[in-house]
Every structure is written in C-alpha cells, then in structure tokens.
C-alpha atoms as a PDB file:
ATOM      1  CA  MET A   1       0.000   0.000   0.000  1.00  0.00           C
ATOM      2  CA  ASN A   2       1.519   3.326  -1.032  1.00  0.00           C
ATOM      3  CA  ASP A   3       1.645   6.463   1.129  1.00  0.00           C
ATOM      4  CA  ARG A   4      -1.082   8.330  -0.806  1.00  0.00           C
ATOM      5  CA  ARG A   5      -3.401   5.342  -0.511  1.00  0.00           C
ATOM      6  CA  LYS A   6      -2.739   5.134   3.260  1.00  0.00           C
ATOM      7  CA  ARG A   7      -3.195   8.876   3.724  1.00  0.00           C
ATOM      8  CA  GLY A   8      -6.324   8.769   1.570  1.00  0.00           C
ATOM      9  CA  GLU A   9      -7.886   6.064   3.711  1.00  0.00           C
ATOM     10  CA  GLN A  10      -7.054   8.045   6.853  1.00  0.00           C
ATOM     11  CA  ILE A  11      -8.681  11.215   5.480  1.00  0.00           C
ATOM     12  CA  ARG A  12     -11.677   9.287   4.164  1.00  0.00           C
ATOM     13  CA  ARG A  13     -12.183   7.780   7.604  1.00  0.00           C
ATOM     14  CA  GLU A  14     -11.907  11.207   9.266  1.00  0.00           C
ATOM     15  CA  VAL A  15     -14.447  12.760   6.904  1.00  0.00           C
ATOM     16  CA  MET A  16     -16.839   9.912   6.153  1.00  0.00           C
ATOM     17  CA  SER A  17     -16.417   7.793   9.362  1.00  0.00           C
ATOM     18  CA  ASP A  18     -14.917   4.397  10.068  1.00  0.00           C
ATOM     19  CA  PRO A  19     -18.217   2.519   9.623  1.00  0.00           C
ATOM     20  CA  PHE A  20     -18.749   4.155   6.199  1.00  0.00           C
ATOM     21  CA  VAL A  21     -15.265   3.217   4.959  1.00  0.00           C
ATOM     22  CA  ASP A  22     -15.440  -0.256   6.509  1.00  0.00           C
ATOM     23  CA  ARG A  23     -18.771  -0.831   4.750  1.00  0.00           C
ATOM     24  CA  SER A  24     -17.413   0.441   1.410  1.00  0.00           C
ATOM     25  CA  LEU A  25     -14.338  -1.752   1.600  1.00  0.00           C
ATOM     26  CA  GLY A  26     -16.254  -4.718   3.009  1.00  0.00           C
ATOM     27  CA  ASN A  27     -18.764  -4.581   0.152  1.00  0.00           C
ATOM     28  CA  ALA A  28     -16.042  -4.361  -2.487  1.00  0.00           C
ATOM     29  CA  SER A  29     -15.367  -7.424  -4.598  1.00  0.00           C
ATOM     30  CA  ASP A  30     -12.358  -8.463  -6.638  1.00  0.00           C
ATOM     31  CA  PHE A  31     -13.996  -6.550  -9.494  1.00  0.00           C
ATOM     32  CA  ASP A  32     -14.357  -3.167  -7.804  1.00  0.00           C
ATOM     33  CA  ILE A  33     -11.675  -3.111  -5.079  1.00  0.00           C
ATOM     34  CA  PRO A  34      -9.270  -1.462  -7.567  1.00  0.00           C
ATOM     35  CA  LEU A  35     -11.800   1.383  -7.853  1.00  0.00           C
ATOM     36  CA  GLN A  36     -11.974   1.775  -4.063  1.00  0.00           C
ATOM     37  CA  GLU A  37      -8.180   1.887  -3.891  1.00  0.00           C
ATOM     38  CA  LEU A  38      -7.931   4.405  -6.735  1.00  0.00           C
ATOM     39  CA  VAL A  39     -10.548   6.662  -5.129  1.00  0.00           C
ATOM     40  CA  MET A  40      -8.664   6.590  -1.832  1.00  0.00           C
ATOM     41  CA  GLU A  41      -5.353   7.312  -3.515  1.00  0.00           C
ATOM     42  CA  THR A  42      -6.487  10.057  -5.895  1.00  0.00           C
ATOM     43  CA  ALA A  43      -9.593  11.714  -4.477  1.00  0.00           C
ATOM     44  CA  TRP A  44      -8.799  11.342  -0.791  1.00  0.00           C
ATOM     45  CA  GLY A  45      -5.006  10.947  -0.752  1.00  0.00           C
ATOM     46  CA  THR A  46      -4.265  13.663  -3.284  1.00  0.00           C
ATOM     47  CA  VAL A  47      -7.154  16.123  -3.646  1.00  0.00           C
ATOM     48  CA  TRP A  48      -8.590  16.049  -0.115  1.00  0.00           C
ATOM     49  CA  ASP A  49      -5.054  16.105   1.334  1.00  0.00           C
ATOM     50  CA  ARG A  50      -4.228  19.490  -0.199  1.00  0.00           C
ATOM     51  CA  ASP A  51      -3.954  22.421   2.203  1.00  0.00           C
ATOM     52  CA  ASP A  52      -5.251  25.143  -0.126  1.00  0.00           C
ATOM     53  CA  LEU A  53      -8.900  24.784   1.012  1.00  0.00           C
ATOM     54  CA  PRO A  54     -10.259  23.897   4.436  1.00  0.00           C
ATOM     55  CA  ARG A  55     -12.162  20.623   4.669  1.00  0.00           C
ATOM     56  CA  GLU A  56     -15.405  22.469   5.368  1.00  0.00           C
ATOM     57  CA  THR A  57     -15.091  24.266   2.035  1.00  0.00           C
ATOM     58  CA  ARG A  58     -14.165  21.053   0.230  1.00  0.00           C
ATOM     59  CA  SER A  59     -17.262  19.406   1.680  1.00  0.00           C
ATOM     60  CA  LEU A  60     -19.570  22.210   0.569  1.00  0.00           C
ATOM     61  CA  VAL A  61     -18.075  22.322  -2.936  1.00  0.00           C
ATOM     62  CA  THR A  62     -18.426  18.546  -3.191  1.00  0.00           C
ATOM     63  CA  ILE A  63     -22.078  18.740  -2.156  1.00  0.00           C
ATOM     64  CA  ALA A  64     -22.775  21.317  -4.873  1.00  0.00           C
ATOM     65  CA  MET A  65     -21.069  19.198  -7.533  1.00  0.00           C
ATOM     66  CA  LEU A  66     -22.843  16.006  -6.510  1.00  0.00           C
ATOM     67  CA  ALA A  67     -26.176  17.843  -6.547  1.00  0.00           C
ATOM     68  CA  ALA A  68     -25.441  19.075 -10.079  1.00  0.00           C
ATOM     69  CA  MET A  69     -24.513  15.564 -11.212  1.00  0.00           C
ATOM     70  CA  LYS A  70     -27.662  14.082  -9.615  1.00  0.00           C
ATOM     71  CA  CYS A  71     -25.752  11.609  -7.438  1.00  0.00           C
ATOM     72  CA  PRO A  72     -28.020  11.250  -4.373  1.00  0.00           C
ATOM     73  CA  ASN A  73     -26.214   8.301  -2.782  1.00  0.00           C
ATOM     74  CA  GLU A  74     -22.830  10.014  -2.916  1.00  0.00           C
ATOM     75  CA  LEU A  75     -24.496  13.263  -1.832  1.00  0.00           C
ATOM     76  CA  LYS A  76     -25.870  11.632   1.329  1.00  0.00           C
ATOM     77  CA  GLY A  77     -22.425  10.409   2.327  1.00  0.00           C
ATOM     78  CA  HIS A  78     -20.869  13.797   1.717  1.00  0.00           C
ATOM     79  CA  VAL A  79     -23.608  15.643   3.617  1.00  0.00           C
ATOM     80  CA  ARG A  80     -22.803  13.452   6.617  1.00  0.00           C
ATOM     81  CA  GLY A  81     -19.104  14.092   5.964  1.00  0.00           C
ATOM     82  CA  ALA A  82     -19.699  17.850   5.822  1.00  0.00           C
ATOM     83  CA  LEU A  83     -21.470  17.736   9.175  1.00  0.00           C
ATOM     84  CA  ARG A  84     -18.583  15.687  10.605  1.00  0.00           C
ATOM     85  CA  ASN A  85     -16.199  18.320   9.189  1.00  0.00           C
ATOM     86  CA  GLY A  86     -17.945  21.057  11.145  1.00  0.00           C
ATOM     87  CA  CYS A  87     -20.325  22.425   8.517  1.00  0.00           C
ATOM     88  CA  SER A  88     -23.750  23.359   9.808  1.00  0.00           C
ATOM     89  CA  VAL A  89     -27.068  22.120   8.493  1.00  0.00           C
ATOM     90  CA  GLU A  90     -27.755  25.728   7.494  1.00  0.00           C
ATOM     91  CA  GLU A  91     -24.576  25.840   5.384  1.00  0.00           C
ATOM     92  CA  VAL A  92     -25.507  22.599   3.621  1.00  0.00           C
ATOM     93  CA  ARG A  93     -28.969  23.995   2.915  1.00  0.00           C
ATOM     94  CA  ALA A  94     -27.511  27.312   1.698  1.00  0.00           C
ATOM     95  CA  VAL A  95     -25.234  25.529  -0.789  1.00  0.00           C
ATOM     96  CA  LEU A  96     -28.148  23.523  -2.142  1.00  0.00           C
ATOM     97  CA  LEU A  97     -30.317  26.628  -2.421  1.00  0.00           C
ATOM     98  CA  HIS A  98     -27.498  28.484  -4.151  1.00  0.00           C
ATOM     99  CA  ALA A  99     -27.170  25.624  -6.648  1.00  0.00           C
ATOM    100  CA  LEU A 100     -30.825  25.774  -7.752  1.00  0.00           C
ATOM    101  CA  PRO A 101     -30.556  28.409 -10.510  1.00  0.00           C
ATOM    102  CA  TYR A 102     -27.439  26.717 -11.886  1.00  0.00           C
ATOM    103  CA  ILE A 103     -28.498  23.072 -11.821  1.00  0.00           C
ATOM    104  CA  GLY A 104     -32.284  23.338 -12.155  1.00  0.00           C
ATOM    105  CA  ALA A 105     -35.246  22.521  -9.995  1.00  0.00           C
ATOM    106  CA  PRO A 106     -35.380  18.727 -10.608  1.00  0.00           C
ATOM    107  CA  ALA A 107     -31.742  18.260  -9.605  1.00  0.00           C
ATOM    108  CA  SER A 108     -32.230  20.550  -6.594  1.00  0.00           C
ATOM    109  CA  LEU A 109     -35.312  18.678  -5.454  1.00  0.00           C
ATOM    110  CA  GLU A 110     -33.441  15.373  -5.685  1.00  0.00           C
ATOM    111  CA  ALA A 111     -30.484  16.849  -3.801  1.00  0.00           C
ATOM    112  CA  PHE A 112     -32.705  18.240  -1.038  1.00  0.00           C
ATOM    113  CA  ARG A 113     -34.407  14.866  -0.587  1.00  0.00           C
ATOM    114  CA  ALA A 114     -31.059  13.099  -0.256  1.00  0.00           C
ATOM    115  CA  ALA A 115     -29.591  15.784   2.009  1.00  0.00           C
ATOM    116  CA  LYS A 116     -32.648  15.813   4.269  1.00  0.00           C
ATOM    117  CA  GLU A 117     -32.360  12.052   4.730  1.00  0.00           C
ATOM    118  CA  ALA A 118     -28.642  12.310   5.522  1.00  0.00           C
ATOM    119  CA  VAL A 119     -29.142  15.191   7.974  1.00  0.00           C
ATOM    120  CA  GLU A 120     -31.902  13.329   9.796  1.00  0.00           C
ATOM    121  CA  GLU A 121     -29.791  10.170  10.046  1.00  0.00           C
ATOM    122  CA  TYR A 122     -26.808  12.176  11.272  1.00  0.00           C
ATOM    123  CA  GLN A 123     -28.885  14.001  13.899  1.00  0.00           C
ATOM    124  CA  GLU A 124     -30.350  10.724  15.165  1.00  0.00           C
ATOM    125  CA  GLN A 125     -26.813   9.449  15.826  1.00  0.00           C
ATOM    126  CA  GLU A 126     -25.788  12.575  17.750  1.00  0.00           C
END
C-alpha cells in the first residue's frame, strides 16, 4: 500500500467515518476493489489532502457538484461528511439553495431529498 493510498484512507475515515469506509471496503469485490483503492489514492489521498482549502469548504463544494450531477447516494455520504467536518445544516442547505438556478429545480429537489435524509440520520446518531 503506497503512502497516498494510506493517507487517503485516513482522510476518508476522518471525513466519512470508520463505519462508512469499513462498509465500502467490506462490500467491495475483486472486481471493484481497484476502484476503491484508486478513489482513496487520488480523491482522498491527493485532492482532499491538499492544504489550499479547508475541509469544510471542500465538503460544501463537493455537495454542490454532486447535486449538479444528480448523485443522491454520494451526496448523502458527503452531507454526513460535511457535518462531521464542522459544517452546519444551514450551510448545507444554503449551498443547495445556491445551486438551484445553476443546476435546475429537478436536480435541486433530488439533492434536497437526499440531504434531508442524511441530515436526519446524522442528527439521530448525535
């Protein structure tokens, strides 16, 4: 395991939680484990490890992009990650509201549904 992969897993665990990462890795098969490793090395071990943006900002930018791409499952995980990173529910909502004129109402509605579910689950665990 290379250093970026190790660092990526550490950051992913800090942002997304140990149970989330354990579940992702535990559900991976021989077919998709290379994808999990590549994501940890590149997205988490390279991009998320940069010091030019705080994690809170990275989380909010990620939420906006996932909303635009209509990726509700990934969005849920990153909403929980944003809350773990110190973002407030109000900040998450503000980013999604800000995205509406740029990504359209259908994508915004889908993003709000996913985010609401993630926020409620997160708050139940607190």
